[in-house]
Amino acid sequence: MNEALLCPLAEVPDGGARVVDATAAGVPVVVVRRGEQVWAYANRCPHFSVPLDFEPGDVLCYRSQVLMCAHHSALFRFEDGRCIEGPCAGASLDAVKITVDGNAWVVLNP
């Protein structure tokens, strides 16, 4: 996988998430942000492998702490993607390696 620009950090809401179609990752990626901290996960719930968003690109987040799968209401922590409540409790989202470059772009790392 090659390094690729995903999106400007400013386009990821603070305390929220944005779905990015990342061809280089092979799957759409959910970029999650809390302040200057940023994480990314494959947009795929471990319970039945469905996307986290029901409406394309709209991932529900609560209190800048958790993502919610729109299909099963499973809750995943921002910082490690671990499911803390729902039908896949204890499972985790697939992490995607990213960094934020000097131009404030979220970059997919090989």
PDB file of N, CA and C in Angstrom:
ATOM      1  N   MET A   1       0.848  -1.166   0.000  1.00  0.00           N
ATOM      2  CA  MET A   1       0.000   0.000   0.000  1.00  0.00           C
ATOM      3  C   MET A   1       0.895   1.230   0.000  1.00  0.00           C
ATOM      4  N   ASN A   2       0.650   2.170  -0.890  1.00  0.00           N
ATOM      5  CA  ASN A   2       1.433   3.391  -0.990  1.00  0.00           C
ATOM      6  C   ASN A   2       0.867   4.468  -0.086  1.00  0.00           C
ATOM      7  N   GLU A   3       1.756   5.416   0.290  1.00  0.00           N
ATOM      8  CA  GLU A   3       1.300   6.573   1.044  1.00  0.00           C
ATOM      9  C   GLU A   3       0.338   7.358   0.168  1.00  0.00           C
ATOM     10  N   ALA A   4      -0.775   7.795   0.741  1.00  0.00           N
ATOM     11  CA  ALA A   4      -1.774   8.536  -0.028  1.00  0.00           C
ATOM     12  C   ALA A   4      -2.444   9.575   0.864  1.00  0.00           C
ATOM     13  N   LEU A   5      -2.770  10.711   0.272  1.00  0.00           N
ATOM     14  CA  LEU A   5      -3.507  11.745   0.991  1.00  0.00           C
ATOM     15  C   LEU A   5      -4.960  11.299   1.121  1.00  0.00           C
ATOM     16  N   LEU A   6      -5.510  11.370   2.338  1.00  0.00           N
ATOM     17  CA  LEU A   6      -6.904  10.991   2.552  1.00  0.00           C
ATOM     18  C   LEU A   6      -7.822  12.214   2.527  1.00  0.00           C
ATOM     19  N   CYS A   7      -7.512  13.203   3.373  1.00  0.00           N
ATOM     20  CA  CYS A   7      -8.333  14.408   3.439  1.00  0.00           C
ATOM     21  C   CYS A   7      -7.620  15.426   4.320  1.00  0.00           C
ATOM     22  N   PRO A   8      -7.973  16.710   4.177  1.00  0.00           N
ATOM     23  CA  PRO A   8      -7.435  17.698   5.118  1.00  0.00           C
ATOM     24  C   PRO A   8      -7.982  17.418   6.524  1.00  0.00           C
ATOM     25  N   LEU A   9      -7.150  17.577   7.522  1.00  0.00           N
ATOM     26  CA  LEU A   9      -7.570  17.370   8.910  1.00  0.00           C
ATOM     27  C   LEU A   9      -8.782  18.248   9.233  1.00  0.00           C
ATOM     28  N   ALA A  10      -8.816  19.453   8.700  1.00  0.00           N
ATOM     29  CA  ALA A  10      -9.911  20.384   8.965  1.00  0.00           C
ATOM     30  C   ALA A  10     -11.270  19.860   8.486  1.00  0.00           C
ATOM     31  N   GLU A  11     -11.280  18.887   7.578  1.00  0.00           N
ATOM     32  CA  GLU A  11     -12.538  18.326   7.081  1.00  0.00           C
ATOM     33  C   GLU A  11     -13.071  17.184   7.944  1.00  0.00           C
ATOM     34  N   VAL A  12     -12.326  16.834   8.989  1.00  0.00           N
ATOM     35  CA  VAL A  12     -12.791  15.828   9.943  1.00  0.00           C
ATOM     36  C   VAL A  12     -13.283  16.596  11.163  1.00  0.00           C
ATOM     37  N   PRO A  13     -14.580  16.524  11.471  1.00  0.00           N
ATOM     38  CA  PRO A  13     -15.084  17.314  12.591  1.00  0.00           C
ATOM     39  C   PRO A  13     -14.435  16.906  13.912  1.00  0.00           C
ATOM     40  N   ASP A  14     -14.081  17.907  14.715  1.00  0.00           N
ATOM     41  CA  ASP A  14     -13.520  17.638  16.037  1.00  0.00           C
ATOM     42  C   ASP A  14     -14.589  16.919  16.858  1.00  0.00           C
ATOM     43  N   GLY A  15     -14.266  15.736  17.361  1.00  0.00           N
ATOM     44  CA  GLY A  15     -15.223  14.932  18.101  1.00  0.00           C
ATOM     45  C   GLY A  15     -16.110  14.091  17.205  1.00  0.00           C
ATOM     46  N   GLY A  16     -15.724  14.009  15.931  1.00  0.00           N
ATOM     47  CA  GLY A  16     -16.535  13.273  14.976  1.00  0.00           C
ATOM     48  C   GLY A  16     -15.699  12.455  14.018  1.00  0.00           C
ATOM     49  N   ALA A  17     -16.323  12.094  12.906  1.00  0.00           N
ATOM     50  CA  ALA A  17     -15.680  11.206  11.946  1.00  0.00           C
ATOM     51  C   ALA A  17     -16.059  11.593  10.528  1.00  0.00           C
ATOM     52  N   ARG A  18     -15.231  11.145   9.602  1.00  0.00           N
ATOM     53  CA  ARG A  18     -15.496  11.336   8.180  1.00  0.00           C
ATOM     54  C   ARG A  18     -15.111  10.055   7.452  1.00  0.00           C
ATOM     55  N   VAL A  19     -15.951   9.623   6.523  1.00  0.00           N
ATOM     56  CA  VAL A  19     -15.642   8.452   5.708  1.00  0.00           C
ATOM     57  C   VAL A  19     -14.930   8.940   4.456  1.00  0.00           C
ATOM     58  N   VAL A  20     -13.799   8.307   4.156  1.00  0.00           N
ATOM     59  CA  VAL A  20     -13.002   8.660   2.988  1.00  0.00           C
ATOM     60  C   VAL A  20     -12.875   7.415   2.118  1.00  0.00           C
ATOM     61  N   ASP A  21     -13.129   7.576   0.827  1.00  0.00           N
ATOM     62  CA  ASP A  21     -12.959   6.465  -0.102  1.00  0.00           C
ATOM     63  C   ASP A  21     -11.472   6.366  -0.416  1.00  0.00           C
ATOM     64  N   ALA A  22     -10.785   5.444   0.220  1.00  0.00           N
ATOM     65  CA  ALA A  22      -9.334   5.324   0.104  1.00  0.00           C
ATOM     66  C   ALA A  22      -8.972   4.129  -0.764  1.00  0.00           C
ATOM     67  N   THR A  23      -8.827   4.357  -2.042  1.00  0.00           N
ATOM     68  CA  THR A  23      -8.482   3.291  -2.973  1.00  0.00           C
ATOM     69  C   THR A  23      -7.207   2.574  -2.542  1.00  0.00           C
ATOM     70  N   ALA A  24      -6.234   3.327  -2.048  1.00  0.00           N
ATOM     71  CA  ALA A  24      -4.961   2.735  -1.639  1.00  0.00           C
ATOM     72  C   ALA A  24      -5.125   1.772  -0.468  1.00  0.00           C
ATOM     73  N   ALA A  25      -6.160   1.972   0.358  1.00  0.00           N
ATOM     74  CA  ALA A  25      -6.394   1.086   1.501  1.00  0.00           C
ATOM     75  C   ALA A  25      -7.212  -0.136   1.100  1.00  0.00           C
ATOM     76  N   GLY A  26      -7.874  -0.056  -0.049  1.00  0.00           N
ATOM     77  CA  GLY A  26      -8.688  -1.167  -0.504  1.00  0.00           C
ATOM     78  C   GLY A  26     -10.110  -1.152   0.023  1.00  0.00           C
ATOM     79  N   VAL A  27     -10.382  -0.314   1.003  1.00  0.00           N
ATOM     80  CA  VAL A  27     -11.726  -0.177   1.580  1.00  0.00           C
ATOM     81  C   VAL A  27     -11.938   1.286   1.966  1.00  0.00           C
ATOM     82  N   PRO A  28     -13.192   1.719   2.084  1.00  0.00           N
ATOM     83  CA  PRO A  28     -13.419   3.058   2.637  1.00  0.00           C
ATOM     84  C   PRO A  28     -12.882   3.114   4.072  1.00  0.00           C
ATOM     85  N   VAL A  29     -12.400   4.283   4.444  1.00  0.00           N
ATOM     86  CA  VAL A  29     -11.761   4.475   5.745  1.00  0.00           C
ATOM     87  C   VAL A  29     -12.547   5.512   6.542  1.00  0.00           C
ATOM     88  N   VAL A  30     -12.750   5.232   7.833  1.00  0.00           N
ATOM     89  CA  VAL A  30     -13.364   6.199   8.739  1.00  0.00           C
ATOM     90  C   VAL A  30     -12.224   6.897   9.475  1.00  0.00           C
ATOM     91  N   VAL A  31     -12.112   8.206   9.278  1.00  0.00           N
ATOM     92  CA  VAL A  31     -11.111   9.005   9.982  1.00  0.00           C
ATOM     93  C   VAL A  31     -11.826   9.657  11.158  1.00  0.00           C
ATOM     94  N   VAL A  32     -11.268   9.478  12.350  1.00  0.00           N
ATOM     95  CA  VAL A  32     -11.879   9.941  13.599  1.00  0.00           C
ATOM     96  C   VAL A  32     -10.943  10.960  14.237  1.00  0.00           C
ATOM     97  N   ARG A  33     -11.537  12.008  14.804  1.00  0.00           N
ATOM     98  CA  ARG A  33     -10.698  13.076  15.371  1.00  0.00           C
ATOM     99  C   ARG A  33     -11.227  13.534  16.722  1.00  0.00           C
ATOM    100  N   ARG A  34     -10.278  13.768  17.629  1.00  0.00           N
ATOM    101  CA  ARG A  34     -10.554  14.441  18.899  1.00  0.00           C
ATOM    102  C   ARG A  34      -9.420  15.426  19.100  1.00  0.00           C
ATOM    103  N   GLY A  35      -9.695  16.705  18.848  1.00  0.00           N
ATOM    104  CA  GLY A  35      -8.637  17.719  18.911  1.00  0.00           C
ATOM    105  C   GLY A  35      -7.596  17.440  17.850  1.00  0.00           C
ATOM    106  N   GLU A  36      -6.351  17.316  18.274  1.00  0.00           N
ATOM    107  CA  GLU A  36      -5.265  17.025  17.336  1.00  0.00           C
ATOM    108  C   GLU A  36      -5.008  15.526  17.187  1.00  0.00           C
ATOM    109  N   GLN A  37      -5.714  14.709  17.972  1.00  0.00           N
ATOM    110  CA  GLN A  37      -5.558  13.261  17.868  1.00  0.00           C
ATOM    111  C   GLN A  37      -6.439  12.738  16.742  1.00  0.00           C
ATOM    112  N   VAL A  38      -5.864  11.854  15.925  1.00  0.00           N
ATOM    113  CA  VAL A  38      -6.581  11.324  14.770  1.00  0.00           C
ATOM    114  C   VAL A  38      -6.312   9.822  14.676  1.00  0.00           C
ATOM    115  N   TRP A  39      -7.374   9.068  14.378  1.00  0.00           N
ATOM    116  CA  TRP A  39      -7.286   7.636  14.186  1.00  0.00           C
ATOM    117  C   TRP A  39      -8.034   7.281  12.909  1.00  0.00           C
ATOM    118  N   ALA A  40      -7.771   6.113  12.376  1.00  0.00           N
ATOM    119  CA  ALA A  40      -8.499   5.670  11.182  1.00  0.00           C
ATOM    120  C   ALA A  40      -8.754   4.171  11.264  1.00  0.00           C
ATOM    121  N   TYR A  41      -9.911   3.790  10.735  1.00  0.00           N
ATOM    122  CA  TYR A  41     -10.329   2.393  10.744  1.00  0.00           C
ATOM    123  C   TYR A  41     -11.013   2.067   9.422  1.00  0.00           C
ATOM    124  N   ALA A  42     -10.939   0.811   9.037  1.00  0.00           N
ATOM    125  CA  ALA A  42     -11.709   0.363   7.874  1.00  0.00           C
ATOM    126  C   ALA A  42     -13.187   0.570   8.200  1.00  0.00           C
ATOM    127  N   ASN A  43     -13.946   1.042   7.241  1.00  0.00           N
ATOM    128  CA  ASN A  43     -15.372   1.285   7.449  1.00  0.00           C
ATOM    129  C   ASN A  43     -16.138  -0.036   7.348  1.00  0.00           C
ATOM    130  N   ARG A  44     -15.910  -0.863   8.380  1.00  0.00           N
ATOM    131  CA  ARG A  44     -16.499  -2.205   8.381  1.00  0.00           C
ATOM    132  C   ARG A  44     -16.670  -2.664   9.829  1.00  0.00           C
ATOM    133  N   CYS A  45     -17.924  -2.869  10.219  1.00  0.00           N
ATOM    134  CA  CYS A  45     -18.221  -3.356  11.566  1.00  0.00           C
ATOM    135  C   CYS A  45     -17.833  -4.836  11.647  1.00  0.00           C
ATOM    136  N   PRO A  46     -17.190  -5.261  12.733  1.00  0.00           N
ATOM    137  CA  PRO A  46     -16.821  -6.675  12.846  1.00  0.00           C
ATOM    138  C   PRO A  46     -18.037  -7.606  12.980  1.00  0.00           C
ATOM    139  N   HIS A  47     -19.201  -7.053  13.246  1.00  0.00           N
ATOM    140  CA  HIS A  47     -20.430  -7.843  13.333  1.00  0.00           C
ATOM    141  C   HIS A  47     -21.089  -7.834  11.959  1.00  0.00           C
ATOM    142  N   PHE A  48     -20.960  -8.866  11.203  1.00  0.00           N
ATOM    143  CA  PHE A  48     -21.506  -9.045   9.853  1.00  0.00           C
ATOM    144  C   PHE A  48     -20.783  -8.253   8.765  1.00  0.00           C
ATOM    145  N   SER A  49     -19.667  -7.611   9.063  1.00  0.00           N
ATOM    146  CA  SER A  49     -18.854  -6.891   8.068  1.00  0.00           C
ATOM    147  C   SER A  49     -19.645  -5.870   7.241  1.00  0.00           C
ATOM    148  N   VAL A  50     -20.521  -5.129   7.875  1.00  0.00           N
ATOM    149  CA  VAL A  50     -21.273  -4.073   7.190  1.00  0.00           C
ATOM    150  C   VAL A  50     -20.619  -2.721   7.476  1.00  0.00           C
ATOM    151  N   PRO A  51     -20.844  -1.718   6.619  1.00  0.00           N
ATOM    152  CA  PRO A  51     -20.285  -0.387   6.884  1.00  0.00           C
ATOM    153  C   PRO A  51     -20.860   0.203   8.175  1.00  0.00           C
ATOM    154  N   LEU A  52     -20.084   1.074   8.814  1.00  0.00           N
ATOM    155  CA  LEU A  52     -20.551   1.731  10.036  1.00  0.00           C
ATOM    156  C   LEU A  52     -21.616   2.779   9.738  1.00  0.00           C
ATOM    157  N   ASP A  53     -21.592   3.340   8.534  1.00  0.00           N
ATOM    158  CA  ASP A  53     -22.540   4.387   8.168  1.00  0.00           C
ATOM    159  C   ASP A  53     -23.755   3.794   7.454  1.00  0.00           C
ATOM    160  N   PHE A  54     -24.940   4.329   7.772  1.00  0.00           N
ATOM    161  CA  PHE A  54     -26.157   3.924   7.075  1.00  0.00           C
ATOM    162  C   PHE A  54     -26.340   4.835   5.870  1.00  0.00           C
ATOM    163  N   GLU A  55     -26.312   6.143   6.122  1.00  0.00           N
ATOM    164  CA  GLU A  55     -26.270   7.127   5.047  1.00  0.00           C
ATOM    165  C   GLU A  55     -24.794   7.268   4.686  1.00  0.00           C
ATOM    166  N   PRO A  56     -24.444   7.125   3.418  1.00  0.00           N
ATOM    167  CA  PRO A  56     -23.025   7.182   3.044  1.00  0.00           C
ATOM    168  C   PRO A  56     -22.307   8.412   3.613  1.00  0.00           C
ATOM    169  N   GLY A  57     -21.228   8.140   4.330  1.00  0.00           N
ATOM    170  CA  GLY A  57     -20.396   9.201   4.895  1.00  0.00           C
ATOM    171  C   GLY A  57     -20.831   9.720   6.243  1.00  0.00           C
ATOM    172  N   ASP A  58     -21.971   9.298   6.744  1.00  0.00           N
ATOM    173  CA  ASP A  58     -22.507   9.819   8.001  1.00  0.00           C
ATOM    174  C   ASP A  58     -22.337   8.794   9.117  1.00  0.00           C
ATOM    175  N   VAL A  59     -21.233   8.913   9.865  1.00  0.00           N
ATOM    176  CA  VAL A  59     -20.958   8.004  10.981  1.00  0.00           C
ATOM    177  C   VAL A  59     -21.319   8.712  12.276  1.00  0.00           C
ATOM    178  N   LEU A  60     -22.140   8.079  13.084  1.00  0.00           N
ATOM    179  CA  LEU A  60     -22.577   8.675  14.337  1.00  0.00           C
ATOM    180  C   LEU A  60     -21.479   8.582  15.389  1.00  0.00           C
ATOM    181  N   CYS A  61     -21.265   9.679  16.115  1.00  0.00           N
ATOM    182  CA  CYS A  61     -20.272   9.739  17.186  1.00  0.00           C
ATOM    183  C   CYS A  61     -20.923  10.368  18.412  1.00  0.00           C
ATOM    184  N   TYR A  62     -20.518   9.919  19.581  1.00  0.00           N
ATOM    185  CA  TYR A  62     -21.074  10.445  20.823  1.00  0.00           C
ATOM    186  C   TYR A  62     -19.981  10.929  21.758  1.00  0.00           C
ATOM    187  N   ARG A  63     -20.188  12.145  22.260  1.00  0.00           N
ATOM    188  CA  ARG A  63     -19.334  12.766  23.277  1.00  0.00           C
ATOM    189  C   ARG A  63     -17.847  12.711  22.942  1.00  0.00           C
ATOM    190  N   SER A  64     -17.522  12.759  21.673  1.00  0.00           N
ATOM    191  CA  SER A  64     -16.121  12.718  21.227  1.00  0.00           C
ATOM    192  C   SER A  64     -15.385  11.506  21.777  1.00  0.00           C
ATOM    193  N   GLN A  65     -16.128  10.430  22.022  1.00  0.00           N
ATOM    194  CA  GLN A  65     -15.541   9.248  22.653  1.00  0.00           C
ATOM    195  C   GLN A  65     -15.728   7.968  21.843  1.00  0.00           C
ATOM    196  N   VAL A  66     -16.911   7.806  21.218  1.00  0.00           N
ATOM    197  CA  VAL A  66     -17.220   6.545  20.548  1.00  0.00           C
ATOM    198  C   VAL A  66     -17.908   6.758  19.200  1.00  0.00           C
ATOM    199  N   LEU A  67     -17.649   5.800  18.299  1.00  0.00           N
ATOM    200  CA  LEU A  67     -18.364   5.686  17.031  1.00  0.00           C
ATOM    201  C   LEU A  67     -19.489   4.697  17.239  1.00  0.00           C
ATOM    202  N   MET A  68     -20.580   4.843  16.485  1.00  0.00           N
ATOM    203  CA  MET A  68     -21.661   3.880  16.594  1.00  0.00           C
ATOM    204  C   MET A  68     -21.966   3.286  15.228  1.00  0.00           C
ATOM    205  N   CYS A  69     -22.052   1.971  15.175  1.00  0.00           N
ATOM    206  CA  CYS A  69     -22.471   1.297  13.951  1.00  0.00           C
ATOM    207  C   CYS A  69     -23.956   1.584  13.746  1.00  0.00           C
ATOM    208  N   ALA A  70     -24.299   2.136  12.598  1.00  0.00           N
ATOM    209  CA  ALA A  70     -25.688   2.501  12.314  1.00  0.00           C
ATOM    210  C   ALA A  70     -26.594   1.284  12.145  1.00  0.00           C
ATOM    211  N   HIS A  71     -26.019   0.114  11.926  1.00  0.00           N
ATOM    212  CA  HIS A  71     -26.820  -1.079  11.683  1.00  0.00           C
ATOM    213  C   HIS A  71     -27.126  -1.870  12.946  1.00  0.00           C
ATOM    214  N   HIS A  72     -26.190  -1.896  13.892  1.00  0.00           N
ATOM    215  CA  HIS A  72     -26.359  -2.738  15.079  1.00  0.00           C
ATOM    216  C   HIS A  72     -26.176  -1.989  16.391  1.00  0.00           C
ATOM    217  N   SER A  73     -25.903  -0.685  16.322  1.00  0.00           N
ATOM    218  CA  SER A  73     -25.704   0.173  17.500  1.00  0.00           C
ATOM    219  C   SER A  73     -24.507  -0.218  18.355  1.00  0.00           C
ATOM    220  N   ALA A  74     -23.561  -0.954  17.778  1.00  0.00           N
ATOM    221  CA  ALA A  74     -22.328  -1.268  18.508  1.00  0.00           C
ATOM    222  C   ALA A  74     -21.535   0.016  18.697  1.00  0.00           C
ATOM    223  N   LEU A  75     -20.894   0.170  19.853  1.00  0.00           N
ATOM    224  CA  LEU A  75     -20.105   1.362  20.165  1.00  0.00           C
ATOM    225  C   LEU A  75     -18.622   1.027  20.177  1.00  0.00           C
ATOM    226  N   PHE A  76     -17.832   1.835  19.470  1.00  0.00           N
ATOM    227  CA  PHE A  76     -16.391   1.615  19.330  1.00  0.00           C
ATOM    228  C   PHE A  76     -15.632   2.834  19.826  1.00  0.00           C
ATOM    229  N   ARG A  77     -14.642   2.608  20.690  1.00  0.00           N
ATOM    230  CA  ARG A  77     -13.827   3.710  21.210  1.00  0.00           C
ATOM    231  C   ARG A  77     -13.019   4.354  20.092  1.00  0.00           C
ATOM    232  N   PHE A  78     -12.915   5.673  20.130  1.00  0.00           N
ATOM    233  CA  PHE A  78     -12.098   6.400  19.150  1.00  0.00           C
ATOM    234  C   PHE A  78     -10.663   5.896  19.149  1.00  0.00           C
ATOM    235  N   GLU A  79     -10.064   5.806  20.350  1.00  0.00           N
ATOM    236  CA  GLU A  79      -8.613   5.622  20.458  1.00  0.00           C
ATOM    237  C   GLU A  79      -8.090   4.249  20.056  1.00  0.00           C
ATOM    238  N   ASP A  80      -8.927   3.210  20.088  1.00  0.00           N
ATOM    239  CA  ASP A  80      -8.411   1.891  19.707  1.00  0.00           C
ATOM    240  C   ASP A  80      -9.397   1.054  18.889  1.00  0.00           C
ATOM    241  N   GLY A  81     -10.582   1.594  18.621  1.00  0.00           N
ATOM    242  CA  GLY A  81     -11.556   0.886  17.800  1.00  0.00           C
ATOM    243  C   GLY A  81     -12.216  -0.302  18.468  1.00  0.00           C
ATOM    244  N   ARG A  82     -11.991  -0.481  19.747  1.00  0.00           N
ATOM    245  CA  ARG A  82     -12.546  -1.632  20.466  1.00  0.00           C
ATOM    246  C   ARG A  82     -14.029  -1.418  20.749  1.00  0.00           C
ATOM    247  N   CYS A  83     -14.834  -2.462  20.517  1.00  0.00           N
ATOM    248  CA  CYS A  83     -16.267  -2.409  20.783  1.00  0.00           C
ATOM    249  C   CYS A  83     -16.494  -2.548  22.282  1.00  0.00           C
ATOM    250  N   ILE A  84     -17.139  -1.549  22.871  1.00  0.00           N
ATOM    251  CA  ILE A  84     -17.383  -1.567  24.312  1.00  0.00           C
ATOM    252  C   ILE A  84     -18.830  -1.911  24.657  1.00  0.00           C
ATOM    253  N   GLU A  85     -19.698  -1.923  23.615  1.00  0.00           N
ATOM    254  CA  GLU A  85     -21.091  -2.266  23.853  1.00  0.00           C
ATOM    255  C   GLU A  85     -21.732  -2.666  22.528  1.00  0.00           C
ATOM    256  N   GLY A  86     -22.543  -3.703  22.568  1.00  0.00           N
ATOM    257  CA  GLY A  86     -23.241  -4.133  21.363  1.00  0.00           C
ATOM    258  C   GLY A  86     -22.977  -5.595  21.038  1.00  0.00           C
ATOM    259  N   PRO A  87     -23.465  -6.045  19.880  1.00  0.00           N
ATOM    260  CA  PRO A  87     -23.394  -7.462  19.536  1.00  0.00           C
ATOM    261  C   PRO A  87     -21.984  -7.987  19.275  1.00  0.00           C
ATOM    262  N   CYS A  88     -21.014  -7.100  19.114  1.00  0.00           N
ATOM    263  CA  CYS A  88     -19.637  -7.563  18.882  1.00  0.00           C
ATOM    264  C   CYS A  88     -18.705  -7.068  19.990  1.00  0.00           C
ATOM    265  N   ALA A  89     -19.232  -6.913  21.213  1.00  0.00           N
ATOM    266  CA  ALA A  89     -18.439  -6.436  22.354  1.00  0.00           C
ATOM    267  C   ALA A  89     -17.148  -7.240  22.471  1.00  0.00           C
ATOM    268  N   GLY A  90     -16.044  -6.507  22.626  1.00  0.00           N
ATOM    269  CA  GLY A  90     -14.733  -7.133  22.735  1.00  0.00           C
ATOM    270  C   GLY A  90     -13.991  -7.215  21.418  1.00  0.00           C
ATOM    271  N   ALA A  91     -14.705  -7.157  20.294  1.00  0.00           N
ATOM    272  CA  ALA A  91     -14.062  -7.149  18.972  1.00  0.00           C
ATOM    273  C   ALA A  91     -13.566  -5.723  18.687  1.00  0.00           C
ATOM    274  N   SER A  92     -12.780  -5.573  17.638  1.00  0.00           N
ATOM    275  CA  SER A  92     -12.248  -4.255  17.291  1.00  0.00           C
ATOM    276  C   SER A  92     -12.378  -3.981  15.807  1.00  0.00           C
ATOM    277  N   LEU A  93     -12.470  -2.709  15.490  1.00  0.00           N
ATOM    278  CA  LEU A  93     -12.406  -2.279  14.096  1.00  0.00           C
ATOM    279  C   LEU A  93     -10.992  -2.521  13.589  1.00  0.00           C
ATOM    280  N   ASP A  94     -10.832  -2.677  12.289  1.00  0.00           N
ATOM    281  CA  ASP A  94      -9.504  -2.852  11.697  1.00  0.00           C
ATOM    282  C   ASP A  94      -8.830  -1.494  11.574  1.00  0.00           C
ATOM    283  N   ALA A  95      -7.733  -1.314  12.308  1.00  0.00           N
ATOM    284  CA  ALA A  95      -7.007  -0.038  12.288  1.00  0.00           C
ATOM    285  C   ALA A  95      -6.311   0.163  10.949  1.00  0.00           C
ATOM    286  N   VAL A  96      -6.249   1.421  10.537  1.00  0.00           N
ATOM    287  CA  VAL A  96      -5.551   1.827   9.324  1.00  0.00           C
ATOM    288  C   VAL A  96      -4.473   2.813   9.757  1.00  0.00           C
ATOM    289  N   LYS A  97      -3.228   2.589   9.334  1.00  0.00           N
ATOM    290  CA  LYS A  97      -2.120   3.449   9.736  1.00  0.00           C
ATOM    291  C   LYS A  97      -2.187   4.785   9.010  1.00  0.00           C
ATOM    292  N   ILE A  98      -2.208   5.859   9.812  1.00  0.00           N
ATOM    293  CA  ILE A  98      -2.221   7.206   9.259  1.00  0.00           C
ATOM    294  C   ILE A  98      -1.277   8.102  10.041  1.00  0.00           C
ATOM    295  N   THR A  99      -0.970   9.245   9.458  1.00  0.00           N
ATOM    296  CA  THR A  99      -0.287  10.333  10.142  1.00  0.00           C
ATOM    297  C   THR A  99      -0.911  11.625   9.625  1.00  0.00           C
ATOM    298  N   VAL A 100      -0.562  12.729  10.255  1.00  0.00           N
ATOM    299  CA  VAL A 100      -0.948  14.043   9.760  1.00  0.00           C
ATOM    300  C   VAL A 100       0.342  14.706   9.323  1.00  0.00           C
ATOM    301  N   ASP A 101       0.390  15.125   8.040  1.00  0.00           N
ATOM    302  CA  ASP A 101       1.631  15.699   7.515  1.00  0.00           C
ATOM    303  C   ASP A 101       1.762  17.183   7.882  1.00  0.00           C
ATOM    304  N   GLY A 102       2.846  17.793   7.460  1.00  0.00           N
ATOM    305  CA  GLY A 102       3.134  19.190   7.775  1.00  0.00           C
ATOM    306  C   GLY A 102       2.152  20.178   7.188  1.00  0.00           C
ATOM    307  N   ASN A 103       1.353  19.745   6.209  1.00  0.00           N
ATOM    308  CA  ASN A 103       0.336  20.606   5.606  1.00  0.00           C
ATOM    309  C   ASN A 103      -1.051  20.336   6.182  1.00  0.00           C
ATOM    310  N   ALA A 104      -1.108  19.610   7.291  1.00  0.00           N
ATOM    311  CA  ALA A 104      -2.359  19.271   7.984  1.00  0.00           C
ATOM    312  C   ALA A 104      -3.286  18.403   7.140  1.00  0.00           C
ATOM    313  N   TRP A 105      -2.691  17.479   6.378  1.00  0.00           N
ATOM    314  CA  TRP A 105      -3.454  16.462   5.642  1.00  0.00           C
ATOM    315  C   TRP A 105      -3.324  15.143   6.370  1.00  0.00           C
ATOM    316  N   VAL A 106      -4.399  14.395   6.426  1.00  0.00           N
ATOM    317  CA  VAL A 106      -4.368  13.028   6.954  1.00  0.00           C
ATOM    318  C   VAL A 106      -3.812  12.154   5.849  1.00  0.00           C
ATOM    319  N   VAL A 107      -2.749  11.418   6.165  1.00  0.00           N
ATOM    320  CA  VAL A 107      -2.013  10.628   5.177  1.00  0.00           C
ATOM    321  C   VAL A 107      -2.090   9.155   5.537  1.00  0.00           C
ATOM    322  N   LEU A 108      -2.467   8.342   4.567  1.00  0.00           N
ATOM    323  CA  LEU A 108      -2.470   6.894   4.713  1.00  0.00           C
ATOM    324  C   LEU A 108      -1.024   6.418   4.581  1.00  0.00           C
ATOM    325  N   ASN A 109      -0.566   5.644   5.542  1.00  0.00           N
ATOM    326  CA  ASN A 109       0.817   5.161   5.525  1.00  0.00           C
ATOM    327  C   ASN A 109       0.898   3.731   5.002  1.00  0.00           C
ATOM    328  N   PRO A 110       1.971   3.442   4.301  1.00  0.00           N
ATOM    329  CA  PRO A 110       2.148   2.061   3.798  1.00  0.00           C
ATOM    330  C   PRO A 110       2.395   1.080   4.938  1.00  0.00           C
TER     331      PRO A 110
END
